[in-house]
Amino acid sequence: MKTIEEAKRLIIAEKLKHYNERLADMERDLQFFYEESIDDEESLKIIMDLQDKVKQLKAVKNKESHEAVT
């Protein structure tokens, strides 16, 4: 039974790793668009909002996965 629980934790950890990699890609993309839109206030506002939402999503998913592992 212990090995099943360990396997579940490994699967969750792998999913979290993949999820965080994808979120990091999004963060890099948003940073690129931020730098490219530095003179466009409206675009910057949207990009900054998206950056905040990605950070919130990352925090939520990390919390959920941490709770599932423990």
N, C-alpha and C. Protein backbone atom coordinates (compact mmCIF):
# COMPACT_ATOMS: atom_id res chain seq x y z
N MET A 1 0.82 -1.20 0.00
CA MET A 1 0.00 0.00 0.00
C MET A 1 0.86 1.26 0.00
N LYS A 2 1.98 1.18 0.68
CA LYS A 2 2.88 2.33 0.76
C LYS A 2 3.43 2.70 -0.62
N THR A 3 3.71 1.70 -1.44
CA THR A 3 4.25 1.98 -2.77
C THR A 3 3.22 2.66 -3.66
N ILE A 4 1.94 2.36 -3.47
CA ILE A 4 0.89 3.04 -4.24
C ILE A 4 0.86 4.51 -3.89
N GLU A 5 0.94 4.82 -2.61
CA GLU A 5 0.95 6.23 -2.17
C GLU A 5 2.18 6.95 -2.71
N GLU A 6 3.32 6.29 -2.69
CA GLU A 6 4.55 6.89 -3.22
C GLU A 6 4.42 7.14 -4.72
N ALA A 7 3.81 6.20 -5.42
CA ALA A 7 3.61 6.35 -6.86
C ALA A 7 2.69 7.53 -7.15
N LYS A 8 1.63 7.65 -6.36
CA LYS A 8 0.72 8.79 -6.54
C LYS A 8 1.45 10.11 -6.32
N ARG A 9 2.28 10.15 -5.28
CA ARG A 9 3.04 11.39 -5.00
C ARG A 9 4.00 11.72 -6.14
N LEU A 10 4.63 10.69 -6.69
CA LEU A 10 5.55 10.92 -7.81
C LEU A 10 4.81 11.45 -9.03
N ILE A 11 3.63 10.90 -9.29
CA ILE A 11 2.83 11.37 -10.43
C ILE A 11 2.42 12.83 -10.22
N ILE A 12 1.97 13.15 -9.02
CA ILE A 12 1.57 14.53 -8.73
C ILE A 12 2.77 15.46 -8.86
N ALA A 13 3.92 15.04 -8.34
CA ALA A 13 5.13 15.86 -8.43
C ALA A 13 5.53 16.09 -9.89
N GLU A 14 5.40 15.06 -10.71
CA GLU A 14 5.75 15.19 -12.13
C GLU A 14 4.78 16.14 -12.85
N LYS A 15 3.51 16.02 -12.52
CA LYS A 15 2.52 16.93 -13.10
C LYS A 15 2.82 18.37 -12.71
N LEU A 16 3.16 18.57 -11.43
CA LEU A 16 3.48 19.91 -10.95
C LEU A 16 4.71 20.46 -11.65
N LYS A 17 5.71 19.62 -11.85
CA LYS A 17 6.92 20.05 -12.55
C LYS A 17 6.57 20.52 -13.97
N HIS A 18 5.78 19.71 -14.66
CA HIS A 18 5.38 20.06 -16.03
C HIS A 18 4.56 21.35 -16.03
N TYR A 19 3.63 21.45 -15.09
CA TYR A 19 2.78 22.63 -14.98
C TYR A 19 3.62 23.88 -14.74
N ASN A 20 4.58 23.77 -13.83
CA ASN A 20 5.45 24.92 -13.53
C ASN A 20 6.33 25.30 -14.72
N GLU A 21 6.75 24.32 -15.48
CA GLU A 21 7.53 24.61 -16.68
C GLU A 21 6.69 25.40 -17.68
N ARG A 22 5.43 25.00 -17.85
CA ARG A 22 4.54 25.71 -18.78
C ARG A 22 4.26 27.13 -18.29
N LEU A 23 4.06 27.27 -16.97
CA LEU A 23 3.83 28.60 -16.41
C LEU A 23 5.07 29.48 -16.58
N ALA A 24 6.24 28.90 -16.43
CA ALA A 24 7.48 29.66 -16.63
C ALA A 24 7.58 30.12 -18.09
N ASP A 25 7.15 29.28 -19.02
CA ASP A 25 7.12 29.69 -20.44
C ASP A 25 6.20 30.89 -20.62
N MET A 26 5.04 30.82 -19.97
CA MET A 26 4.09 31.94 -20.07
C MET A 26 4.68 33.22 -19.48
N GLU A 27 5.37 33.08 -18.35
CA GLU A 27 5.99 34.25 -17.72
C GLU A 27 7.04 34.87 -18.64
N ARG A 28 7.84 34.03 -19.28
CA ARG A 28 8.85 34.55 -20.22
C ARG A 28 8.20 35.24 -21.41
N ASP A 29 7.14 34.63 -21.94
CA ASP A 29 6.43 35.24 -23.07
C ASP A 29 5.84 36.59 -22.68
N LEU A 30 5.23 36.64 -21.51
CA LEU A 30 4.64 37.91 -21.05
C LEU A 30 5.71 38.97 -20.83
N GLN A 31 6.87 38.56 -20.33
CA GLN A 31 7.96 39.51 -20.15
C GLN A 31 8.42 40.06 -21.50
N PHE A 32 8.49 39.20 -22.50
CA PHE A 32 8.84 39.64 -23.86
C PHE A 32 7.84 40.68 -24.35
N PHE A 33 6.55 40.37 -24.22
CA PHE A 33 5.53 41.30 -24.69
C PHE A 33 5.55 42.61 -23.90
N TYR A 34 5.87 42.50 -22.62
CA TYR A 34 5.98 43.70 -21.78
C TYR A 34 7.09 44.61 -22.33
N GLU A 35 8.23 44.02 -22.58
CA GLU A 35 9.37 44.81 -23.10
C GLU A 35 9.09 45.38 -24.48
N GLU A 36 8.35 44.65 -25.30
CA GLU A 36 8.03 45.12 -26.63
C GLU A 36 6.93 46.19 -26.63
N SER A 37 6.18 46.27 -25.56
CA SER A 37 5.05 47.20 -25.49
C SER A 37 5.29 48.35 -24.52
N ILE A 38 6.52 48.61 -24.23
CA ILE A 38 6.87 49.58 -23.18
C ILE A 38 6.27 50.97 -23.43
N ASP A 39 6.02 51.31 -24.67
CA ASP A 39 5.46 52.62 -25.00
C ASP A 39 3.94 52.61 -25.18
N ASP A 40 3.33 51.47 -24.93
CA ASP A 40 1.89 51.33 -25.13
C ASP A 40 1.23 51.05 -23.77
N GLU A 41 0.72 52.11 -23.17
CA GLU A 41 0.18 52.01 -21.80
C GLU A 41 -0.97 51.01 -21.69
N GLU A 42 -1.84 50.99 -22.68
CA GLU A 42 -2.99 50.07 -22.63
C GLU A 42 -2.53 48.61 -22.66
N SER A 43 -1.59 48.32 -23.55
CA SER A 43 -1.06 46.96 -23.63
C SER A 43 -0.32 46.57 -22.35
N LEU A 44 0.46 47.49 -21.81
CA LEU A 44 1.19 47.22 -20.58
C LEU A 44 0.25 46.87 -19.43
N LYS A 45 -0.85 47.57 -19.36
CA LYS A 45 -1.83 47.32 -18.31
C LYS A 45 -2.37 45.88 -18.42
N ILE A 46 -2.70 45.47 -19.64
CA ILE A 46 -3.21 44.12 -19.87
C ILE A 46 -2.14 43.08 -19.56
N ILE A 47 -0.94 43.32 -20.02
CA ILE A 47 0.16 42.38 -19.80
C ILE A 47 0.45 42.24 -18.31
N MET A 48 0.46 43.34 -17.58
CA MET A 48 0.71 43.28 -16.15
C MET A 48 -0.40 42.52 -15.43
N ASP A 49 -1.63 42.69 -15.87
CA ASP A 49 -2.74 41.94 -15.30
C ASP A 49 -2.56 40.44 -15.55
N LEU A 50 -2.17 40.11 -16.77
CA LEU A 50 -1.92 38.70 -17.10
C LEU A 50 -0.77 38.12 -16.27
N GLN A 51 0.28 38.92 -16.08
CA GLN A 51 1.40 38.46 -15.26
C GLN A 51 0.93 38.16 -13.83
N ASP A 52 0.10 39.02 -13.29
CA ASP A 52 -0.44 38.80 -11.94
C ASP A 52 -1.29 37.53 -11.89
N LYS A 53 -2.11 37.33 -12.91
CA LYS A 53 -2.98 36.15 -12.96
C LYS A 53 -2.15 34.86 -13.06
N VAL A 54 -1.07 34.89 -13.81
CA VAL A 54 -0.20 33.72 -13.94
C VAL A 54 0.45 33.42 -12.58
N LYS A 55 0.88 34.45 -11.88
CA LYS A 55 1.47 34.26 -10.54
C LYS A 55 0.44 33.68 -9.58
N GLN A 56 -0.79 34.16 -9.65
CA GLN A 56 -1.85 33.63 -8.79
C GLN A 56 -2.12 32.17 -9.11
N LEU A 57 -2.19 31.86 -10.39
CA LEU A 57 -2.44 30.48 -10.82
C LEU A 57 -1.32 29.56 -10.34
N LYS A 58 -0.10 30.01 -10.47
CA LYS A 58 1.04 29.22 -10.03
C LYS A 58 0.96 28.95 -8.53
N ALA A 59 0.62 29.96 -7.76
CA ALA A 59 0.50 29.80 -6.31
C ALA A 59 -0.60 28.81 -5.96
N VAL A 60 -1.74 28.92 -6.63
CA VAL A 60 -2.87 28.02 -6.36
C VAL A 60 -2.50 26.58 -6.70
N LYS A 61 -1.92 26.38 -7.86
CA LYS A 61 -1.59 25.02 -8.30
C LYS A 61 -0.51 24.41 -7.40
N ASN A 62 0.47 25.19 -6.99
CA ASN A 62 1.50 24.68 -6.11
C ASN A 62 0.92 24.31 -4.75
N LYS A 63 -0.01 25.13 -4.27
CA LYS A 63 -0.67 24.84 -2.99
C LYS A 63 -1.50 23.56 -3.09
N GLU A 64 -2.28 23.43 -4.17
CA GLU A 64 -3.10 22.25 -4.37
C GLU A 64 -2.24 20.99 -4.44
N SER A 65 -1.16 21.06 -5.18
CA SER A 65 -0.30 19.90 -5.33
C SER A 65 0.41 19.56 -4.02
N HIS A 66 0.81 20.59 -3.29
CA HIS A 66 1.46 20.36 -2.00
C HIS A 66 0.50 19.67 -1.04
N GLU A 67 -0.75 20.11 -1.04
CA GLU A 67 -1.76 19.50 -0.18
C GLU A 67 -2.05 18.06 -0.59
N ALA A 68 -2.02 17.79 -1.88
CA ALA A 68 -2.29 16.44 -2.38
C ALA A 68 -1.15 15.48 -2.03
N VAL A 69 0.06 16.00 -1.97
CA VAL A 69 1.23 15.17 -1.68
C VAL A 69 1.29 14.83 -0.19
N THR A 70 0.90 15.77 0.65
CA THR A 70 1.00 15.53 2.10
C THR A 70 -0.22 14.86 2.67
